[in-house]
Amino acid sequence: MNINDRVKISVLTKYYGCLLTEKQRQIVAMYVDNNLSLAEVGEELNITRQAVKDGLDKAITTLQTYENNLHFFARDAKIKKILIDKTALTQADIKKILSILEDN
């Protein structure tokens, strides 16, 4: 998994992670956010490397399915782009709005 994939999965987890199982959230966090190998995640969770891979694959598919159906990330990215491109807003206004959007 390349860095762009990791970033995308990490961001999608912020949006839809609560819809994953606890085990899937742990696997994604350890593999994507903490950059552990499949074997290292397996050791930490006392499961096989294959179980980690299966859990990770299922979690990623679930995250992508939610985004494909709900488009929350895509919507927020469009809003951020519009707000940044607006010249009538001050930089302080933009930072405040972006901060609010990132917290939700």
Protein backbone atom coordinates (compact mmCIF):
# COMPACT_ATOMS: atom_id res chain seq x y z
CA MET A 1 0.00 0.00 0.00
CA ASN A 2 1.51 3.31 -1.04
CA ILE A 3 1.43 6.52 0.98
CA ASN A 4 -1.51 7.98 -0.97
CA ASP A 5 -3.58 4.87 -0.25
CA ARG A 6 -2.66 5.06 3.43
CA VAL A 7 -3.66 8.72 3.64
CA LYS A 8 -6.97 8.05 1.88
CA ILE A 9 -7.79 5.12 4.18
CA SER A 10 -6.79 7.16 7.23
CA VAL A 11 -9.09 10.01 6.18
CA LEU A 12 -11.97 7.68 5.33
CA THR A 13 -11.54 6.10 8.76
CA LYS A 14 -12.11 9.50 10.34
CA TYR A 15 -15.41 9.75 8.47
CA TYR A 16 -16.67 6.17 8.66
CA GLY A 17 -14.48 4.38 11.21
CA CYS A 18 -17.29 4.16 13.73
CA LEU A 19 -19.08 1.89 11.25
CA LEU A 20 -16.27 -0.67 11.34
CA THR A 21 -15.97 -3.42 13.94
CA GLU A 22 -13.63 -2.78 16.85
CA LYS A 23 -11.17 -5.34 15.45
CA GLN A 24 -11.23 -3.68 12.02
CA ARG A 25 -10.58 -0.27 13.60
CA GLN A 26 -7.63 -1.72 15.51
CA ILE A 27 -6.19 -3.33 12.38
CA VAL A 28 -6.56 -0.16 10.31
CA ALA A 29 -5.07 2.01 13.03
CA MET A 30 -2.08 -0.26 13.55
CA TYR A 31 -1.41 -0.92 9.87
CA VAL A 32 -2.25 2.45 8.33
CA ASP A 33 -1.68 5.00 11.09
CA ASN A 34 1.13 3.28 13.02
CA ASN A 35 2.76 1.80 9.89
CA LEU A 36 3.09 -1.71 11.34
CA SER A 37 3.46 -4.69 9.01
CA LEU A 38 0.72 -7.30 8.69
CA ALA A 39 2.85 -9.69 10.74
CA GLU A 40 3.43 -7.08 13.46
CA VAL A 41 -0.30 -6.31 13.67
CA GLY A 42 -0.98 -10.05 13.88
CA GLU A 43 1.48 -10.42 16.74
CA GLU A 44 -0.05 -7.50 18.63
CA LEU A 45 -3.60 -8.80 18.21
CA ASN A 46 -2.65 -12.47 18.55
CA ILE A 47 -4.10 -13.38 15.15
CA THR A 48 -2.54 -14.67 11.95
CA ARG A 49 -1.07 -12.46 9.26
CA GLN A 50 -3.80 -13.73 6.92
CA ALA A 51 -6.51 -12.75 9.40
CA VAL A 52 -5.00 -9.25 9.54
CA LYS A 53 -4.98 -9.04 5.73
CA ASP A 54 -8.57 -10.27 5.49
CA GLY A 55 -9.71 -7.81 8.18
CA LEU A 56 -7.84 -4.95 6.54
CA ASP A 57 -9.24 -5.76 3.10
CA LYS A 58 -12.78 -5.96 4.46
CA ALA A 59 -12.38 -2.70 6.38
CA ILE A 60 -11.04 -0.89 3.31
CA THR A 61 -13.88 -2.22 1.16
CA THR A 62 -16.38 -1.11 3.79
CA LEU A 63 -14.87 2.39 4.03
CA GLN A 64 -14.83 2.79 0.26
CA THR A 65 -18.41 1.53 -0.05
CA TYR A 66 -19.64 4.09 2.48
CA GLU A 67 -17.78 6.89 0.69
CA ASN A 68 -19.10 5.77 -2.72
CA ASN A 69 -22.64 5.90 -1.36
CA LEU A 70 -22.52 8.87 1.02
CA HIS A 71 -19.77 11.09 -0.48
CA PHE A 72 -19.01 12.87 2.81
CA PHE A 73 -15.29 13.15 2.11
CA ALA A 74 -15.84 14.30 -1.48
CA ARG A 75 -18.42 16.85 -0.31
CA ASP A 76 -16.13 18.27 2.33
CA ALA A 77 -13.23 18.47 -0.14
CA LYS A 78 -15.42 20.47 -2.54
CA ILE A 79 -16.54 22.80 0.25
CA LYS A 80 -12.94 23.36 1.34
CA LYS A 81 -11.89 24.14 -2.24
CA ILE A 82 -14.71 26.65 -2.69
CA LEU A 83 -13.94 28.34 0.60
CA ILE A 84 -10.25 28.57 -0.22
CA ASP A 85 -10.96 29.97 -3.69
CA LYS A 86 -13.31 32.67 -2.41
CA THR A 87 -11.52 36.01 -2.38
CA ALA A 88 -14.13 37.77 -0.23
CA LEU A 89 -13.15 35.70 2.81
CA THR A 90 -10.15 36.56 4.91
CA GLN A 91 -7.52 33.96 5.68
CA ALA A 92 -8.73 33.97 9.28
CA ASP A 93 -12.28 33.20 8.11
CA ILE A 94 -11.03 30.36 5.93
CA LYS A 95 -8.97 28.87 8.76
CA LYS A 96 -11.93 29.06 11.12
CA ILE A 97 -14.28 27.37 8.63
CA LEU A 98 -11.74 24.68 7.78
CA SER A 99 -11.24 24.03 11.47
CA ILE A 100 -14.97 23.57 11.97
CA LEU A 101 -15.23 21.22 8.99
CA GLU A 102 -12.27 19.14 10.16
CA ASP A 103 -13.75 18.69 13.64
CA ASN A 104 -16.95 17.15 12.26
